[in-house]
């Protein structure tokens, strides 16, 4: 997924968006925001996978047994709930701090 966006980003950046060599700062910022969001999502998924695998999989094998499947599902649910709670609190704090500036 990101490979396609990276090549798109690179070609748009290098060509200046077709505007005769002028860069569109708004377009570049949007592309950077998308790249950051993708990187954050990938990091979240990687961390969640690592933590839940270590917690739930005692002896890796060819398949997950029923208890491992349940553990993985619960672990990922809890991890996402925790991440969402922290994200909401962080965004709320940022908004309060911006309002006080």
N, C-alpha and C. Protein backbone atom coordinates (compact mmCIF):
# COMPACT_ATOMS: atom_id res chain seq x y z
N UNK A 1 0.82 -1.19 0.00
CA UNK A 1 0.00 0.00 0.00
C UNK A 1 0.86 1.25 0.00
N UNK A 2 1.83 1.32 0.91
CA UNK A 2 2.63 2.53 1.01
C UNK A 2 3.55 2.70 -0.17
N UNK A 3 3.97 1.59 -0.80
CA UNK A 3 4.87 1.70 -1.92
C UNK A 3 4.23 2.51 -3.04
N UNK A 4 2.96 2.23 -3.31
CA UNK A 4 2.25 2.98 -4.34
C UNK A 4 2.13 4.44 -3.99
N UNK A 5 1.86 4.74 -2.71
CA UNK A 5 1.74 6.13 -2.31
C UNK A 5 3.08 6.83 -2.35
N UNK A 6 4.15 6.11 -2.01
CA UNK A 6 5.47 6.72 -2.03
C UNK A 6 5.84 7.10 -3.46
N UNK A 7 5.56 6.20 -4.41
CA UNK A 7 5.92 6.52 -5.79
C UNK A 7 5.05 7.66 -6.30
N UNK A 8 3.80 7.70 -5.90
CA UNK A 8 2.92 8.80 -6.27
C UNK A 8 3.42 10.10 -5.66
N UNK A 9 3.80 10.04 -4.40
CA UNK A 9 4.30 11.22 -3.71
C UNK A 9 5.55 11.73 -4.41
N UNK A 10 6.47 10.82 -4.71
CA UNK A 10 7.73 11.20 -5.33
C UNK A 10 7.51 11.83 -6.70
N UNK A 11 6.62 11.26 -7.50
CA UNK A 11 6.42 11.80 -8.83
C UNK A 11 5.69 13.14 -8.78
N UNK A 12 4.74 13.30 -7.87
CA UNK A 12 4.05 14.57 -7.74
C UNK A 12 5.00 15.65 -7.23
N UNK A 13 5.82 15.28 -6.29
CA UNK A 13 6.76 16.24 -5.71
C UNK A 13 7.77 16.68 -6.76
N UNK A 14 8.31 15.69 -7.48
CA UNK A 14 9.34 16.00 -8.46
C UNK A 14 8.82 16.81 -9.62
N UNK A 15 7.59 16.59 -10.01
CA UNK A 15 7.05 17.30 -11.16
C UNK A 15 6.41 18.62 -10.76
N UNK A 16 6.29 18.85 -9.47
CA UNK A 16 5.66 20.08 -9.03
C UNK A 16 4.17 20.08 -9.26
N UNK A 17 3.58 18.89 -9.40
CA UNK A 17 2.14 18.80 -9.59
C UNK A 17 1.70 19.27 -10.96
N UNK A 18 2.65 19.40 -11.91
CA UNK A 18 2.28 19.80 -13.26
C UNK A 18 2.04 21.29 -13.37
N UNK A 19 2.43 22.07 -12.38
CA UNK A 19 2.16 23.50 -12.39
C UNK A 19 3.32 24.31 -12.94
N UNK A 20 4.02 23.79 -13.96
CA UNK A 20 5.10 24.55 -14.57
C UNK A 20 6.28 24.73 -13.62
N UNK A 21 6.54 23.75 -12.77
CA UNK A 21 7.68 23.82 -11.88
C UNK A 21 7.36 24.42 -10.53
N UNK A 22 6.14 24.92 -10.34
CA UNK A 22 5.76 25.48 -9.03
C UNK A 22 5.21 24.37 -8.15
N UNK A 23 5.65 24.36 -6.91
CA UNK A 23 5.17 23.37 -5.95
C UNK A 23 3.91 23.89 -5.28
N UNK A 24 2.97 23.00 -5.09
CA UNK A 24 1.73 23.35 -4.39
C UNK A 24 1.90 22.95 -2.93
N UNK A 25 2.17 23.93 -2.04
CA UNK A 25 2.40 23.59 -0.63
C UNK A 25 1.23 22.85 0.01
N UNK A 26 0.01 23.19 -0.37
CA UNK A 26 -1.16 22.51 0.19
C UNK A 26 -1.19 21.05 -0.19
N UNK A 27 -0.89 20.76 -1.45
CA UNK A 27 -0.87 19.37 -1.93
C UNK A 27 0.25 18.60 -1.23
N UNK A 28 1.40 19.21 -1.11
CA UNK A 28 2.53 18.54 -0.45
C UNK A 28 2.19 18.25 1.00
N UNK A 29 1.58 19.21 1.71
CA UNK A 29 1.22 18.99 3.11
C UNK A 29 0.20 17.86 3.25
N UNK A 30 -0.76 17.80 2.35
CA UNK A 30 -1.74 16.71 2.40
C UNK A 30 -1.07 15.36 2.17
N UNK A 31 -0.13 15.31 1.24
CA UNK A 31 0.58 14.05 0.98
C UNK A 31 1.42 13.65 2.18
N UNK A 32 2.05 14.63 2.82
CA UNK A 32 2.85 14.33 4.01
C UNK A 32 1.94 13.83 5.13
N UNK A 33 0.78 14.44 5.30
CA UNK A 33 -0.17 13.99 6.33
C UNK A 33 -0.61 12.56 6.07
N UNK A 34 -0.87 12.22 4.82
CA UNK A 34 -1.27 10.85 4.48
C UNK A 34 -0.14 9.89 4.80
N UNK A 35 1.08 10.25 4.45
CA UNK A 35 2.23 9.39 4.73
C UNK A 35 2.41 9.19 6.23
N UNK A 36 2.23 10.24 7.01
CA UNK A 36 2.35 10.13 8.47
C UNK A 36 1.25 9.23 9.03
N UNK A 37 0.03 9.40 8.53
CA UNK A 37 -1.08 8.56 9.00
C UNK A 37 -0.83 7.10 8.68
N UNK A 38 -0.33 6.81 7.49
CA UNK A 38 -0.04 5.43 7.10
C UNK A 38 1.06 4.86 7.99
N UNK A 39 2.11 5.64 8.22
CA UNK A 39 3.21 5.18 9.08
C UNK A 39 2.72 4.92 10.50
N UNK A 40 1.87 5.79 11.02
CA UNK A 40 1.32 5.60 12.37
C UNK A 40 0.46 4.34 12.44
N UNK A 41 -0.35 4.11 11.43
CA UNK A 41 -1.20 2.91 11.41
C UNK A 41 -0.35 1.65 11.34
N UNK A 42 0.71 1.69 10.52
CA UNK A 42 1.59 0.53 10.43
C UNK A 42 2.30 0.26 11.75
N UNK A 43 2.75 1.32 12.41
CA UNK A 43 3.42 1.15 13.70
C UNK A 43 2.46 0.59 14.75
N UNK A 44 1.23 1.11 14.78
CA UNK A 44 0.22 0.60 15.71
C UNK A 44 -0.02 -0.89 15.48
N UNK A 45 -0.20 -1.27 14.24
CA UNK A 45 -0.46 -2.68 13.93
C UNK A 45 0.74 -3.55 14.31
N UNK A 46 1.94 -3.08 14.04
CA UNK A 46 3.14 -3.85 14.37
C UNK A 46 3.28 -4.02 15.88
N UNK A 47 3.08 -2.95 16.64
CA UNK A 47 3.19 -3.04 18.10
C UNK A 47 2.12 -3.96 18.67
N UNK A 48 0.90 -3.82 18.17
CA UNK A 48 -0.19 -4.66 18.66
C UNK A 48 0.09 -6.13 18.36
N UNK A 49 0.56 -6.41 17.15
CA UNK A 49 0.88 -7.78 16.76
C UNK A 49 1.98 -8.35 17.65
N UNK A 50 3.05 -7.58 17.85
CA UNK A 50 4.16 -8.05 18.69
C UNK A 50 3.71 -8.35 20.11
N UNK A 51 3.01 -7.41 20.72
CA UNK A 51 2.60 -7.57 22.11
C UNK A 51 1.63 -8.74 22.27
N UNK A 52 0.65 -8.83 21.40
CA UNK A 52 -0.35 -9.88 21.54
C UNK A 52 0.23 -11.25 21.20
N UNK A 53 1.15 -11.31 20.25
CA UNK A 53 1.80 -12.59 19.94
C UNK A 53 2.58 -13.08 21.16
N UNK A 54 3.38 -12.17 21.75
CA UNK A 54 4.18 -12.57 22.92
C UNK A 54 3.29 -13.00 24.07
N UNK A 55 2.15 -12.32 24.23
CA UNK A 55 1.25 -12.63 25.35
C UNK A 55 0.50 -13.95 25.13
N UNK A 56 0.07 -14.21 23.91
CA UNK A 56 -0.89 -15.28 23.67
C UNK A 56 -0.32 -16.57 23.07
N UNK A 57 0.80 -16.50 22.41
CA UNK A 57 1.31 -17.67 21.71
C UNK A 57 2.48 -18.25 22.49
N UNK A 58 2.21 -19.34 23.19
CA UNK A 58 3.25 -19.98 23.99
C UNK A 58 4.21 -20.81 23.15
N UNK A 59 3.64 -21.63 22.28
CA UNK A 59 4.44 -22.50 21.42
C UNK A 59 3.95 -22.32 19.99
N UNK A 60 4.66 -21.50 19.19
CA UNK A 60 4.23 -21.31 17.80
C UNK A 60 4.18 -22.62 17.04
N UNK A 61 3.16 -22.75 16.24
CA UNK A 61 2.99 -23.96 15.43
C UNK A 61 2.34 -23.61 14.11
N UNK A 62 1.77 -24.60 13.50
CA UNK A 62 1.15 -24.41 12.19
C UNK A 62 -0.21 -23.76 12.23
N UNK A 63 -0.85 -23.76 13.40
CA UNK A 63 -2.19 -23.19 13.53
C UNK A 63 -2.39 -22.72 14.97
N UNK A 64 -3.37 -21.84 15.14
CA UNK A 64 -3.72 -21.37 16.48
C UNK A 64 -4.81 -22.26 17.06
N UNK A 65 -4.64 -22.64 18.32
CA UNK A 65 -5.72 -23.40 18.95
C UNK A 65 -6.80 -22.41 19.41
N UNK A 66 -7.90 -22.93 19.92
CA UNK A 66 -9.05 -22.11 20.29
C UNK A 66 -8.70 -21.07 21.34
N UNK A 67 -7.94 -21.46 22.37
CA UNK A 67 -7.60 -20.51 23.43
C UNK A 67 -6.67 -19.41 22.91
N UNK A 68 -5.76 -19.75 21.99
CA UNK A 68 -4.89 -18.74 21.40
C UNK A 68 -5.68 -17.76 20.55
N UNK A 69 -6.65 -18.26 19.80
CA UNK A 69 -7.48 -17.39 18.98
C UNK A 69 -8.26 -16.41 19.85
N UNK A 70 -8.83 -16.92 20.94
CA UNK A 70 -9.59 -16.04 21.85
C UNK A 70 -8.67 -15.02 22.50
N UNK A 71 -7.48 -15.46 22.92
CA UNK A 71 -6.52 -14.56 23.55
C UNK A 71 -6.12 -13.45 22.59
N UNK A 72 -5.81 -13.80 21.35
CA UNK A 72 -5.41 -12.81 20.34
C UNK A 72 -6.53 -11.80 20.12
N UNK A 73 -7.76 -12.30 19.97
CA UNK A 73 -8.89 -11.41 19.73
C UNK A 73 -9.10 -10.45 20.90
N UNK A 74 -9.06 -10.97 22.12
CA UNK A 74 -9.25 -10.11 23.30
C UNK A 74 -8.10 -9.12 23.45
N UNK A 75 -6.88 -9.58 23.23
CA UNK A 75 -5.71 -8.72 23.35
C UNK A 75 -5.79 -7.56 22.36
N UNK A 76 -6.13 -7.87 21.13
CA UNK A 76 -6.20 -6.82 20.10
C UNK A 76 -7.34 -5.85 20.41
N UNK A 77 -8.46 -6.36 20.90
CA UNK A 77 -9.56 -5.48 21.29
C UNK A 77 -9.15 -4.54 22.41
N UNK A 78 -8.51 -5.09 23.43
CA UNK A 78 -8.06 -4.26 24.56
C UNK A 78 -7.02 -3.25 24.12
N UNK A 79 -6.10 -3.67 23.25
CA UNK A 79 -5.05 -2.78 22.77
C UNK A 79 -5.67 -1.61 22.00
N UNK A 80 -6.62 -1.90 21.11
CA UNK A 80 -7.28 -0.84 20.33
C UNK A 80 -8.10 0.08 21.24
N UNK A 81 -8.80 -0.49 22.21
CA UNK A 81 -9.57 0.34 23.15
C UNK A 81 -8.64 1.28 23.91
N UNK A 82 -7.52 0.75 24.36
CA UNK A 82 -6.55 1.57 25.10
C UNK A 82 -5.98 2.66 24.21
N UNK A 83 -5.63 2.29 22.99
CA UNK A 83 -5.05 3.26 22.06
C UNK A 83 -6.05 4.37 21.75
N UNK A 84 -7.30 4.00 21.54
CA UNK A 84 -8.34 5.00 21.26
C UNK A 84 -8.54 5.93 22.46
N UNK A 85 -8.53 5.39 23.67
CA UNK A 85 -8.68 6.21 24.87
C UNK A 85 -7.54 7.21 25.00
N UNK A 86 -6.32 6.74 24.81
CA UNK A 86 -5.16 7.62 24.90
C UNK A 86 -5.21 8.68 23.79
N UNK A 87 -5.59 8.28 22.59
CA UNK A 87 -5.67 9.23 21.47
C UNK A 87 -6.70 10.32 21.73
N UNK A 88 -7.87 9.93 22.25
CA UNK A 88 -8.90 10.93 22.55
C UNK A 88 -8.41 11.90 23.62
N UNK A 89 -7.77 11.38 24.67
CA UNK A 89 -7.26 12.24 25.74
C UNK A 89 -6.18 13.17 25.21
N UNK A 90 -5.29 12.67 24.37
CA UNK A 90 -4.22 13.47 23.80
C UNK A 90 -4.78 14.58 22.92
N UNK A 91 -5.73 14.23 22.04
CA UNK A 91 -6.34 15.24 21.16
C UNK A 91 -7.10 16.29 21.95
N UNK A 92 -7.79 15.86 22.99
CA UNK A 92 -8.52 16.79 23.85
C UNK A 92 -7.56 17.76 24.52
N UNK A 93 -6.44 17.24 25.00
CA UNK A 93 -5.45 18.11 25.65
C UNK A 93 -4.84 19.09 24.64
N UNK A 94 -4.55 18.63 23.43
CA UNK A 94 -4.02 19.52 22.41
C UNK A 94 -5.00 20.65 22.11
N UNK A 95 -6.28 20.31 21.99
CA UNK A 95 -7.28 21.33 21.71
C UNK A 95 -7.37 22.35 22.84
N UNK A 96 -7.32 21.88 24.10
CA UNK A 96 -7.34 22.80 25.24
C UNK A 96 -6.14 23.72 25.23
N UNK A 97 -4.97 23.15 24.96
CA UNK A 97 -3.75 23.97 24.95
C UNK A 97 -3.76 24.98 23.81
N UNK A 98 -4.29 24.60 22.65
CA UNK A 98 -4.39 25.54 21.54
C UNK A 98 -5.37 26.67 21.86
N UNK A 99 -6.45 26.32 22.55
CA UNK A 99 -7.45 27.34 22.91
C UNK A 99 -6.89 28.33 23.92
N UNK A 100 -5.94 27.90 24.75
CA UNK A 100 -5.35 28.77 25.77
C UNK A 100 -4.21 29.62 25.24
N UNK A 101 -3.82 29.45 24.01
CA UNK A 101 -2.69 30.22 23.45
C UNK A 101 -3.10 31.62 23.09
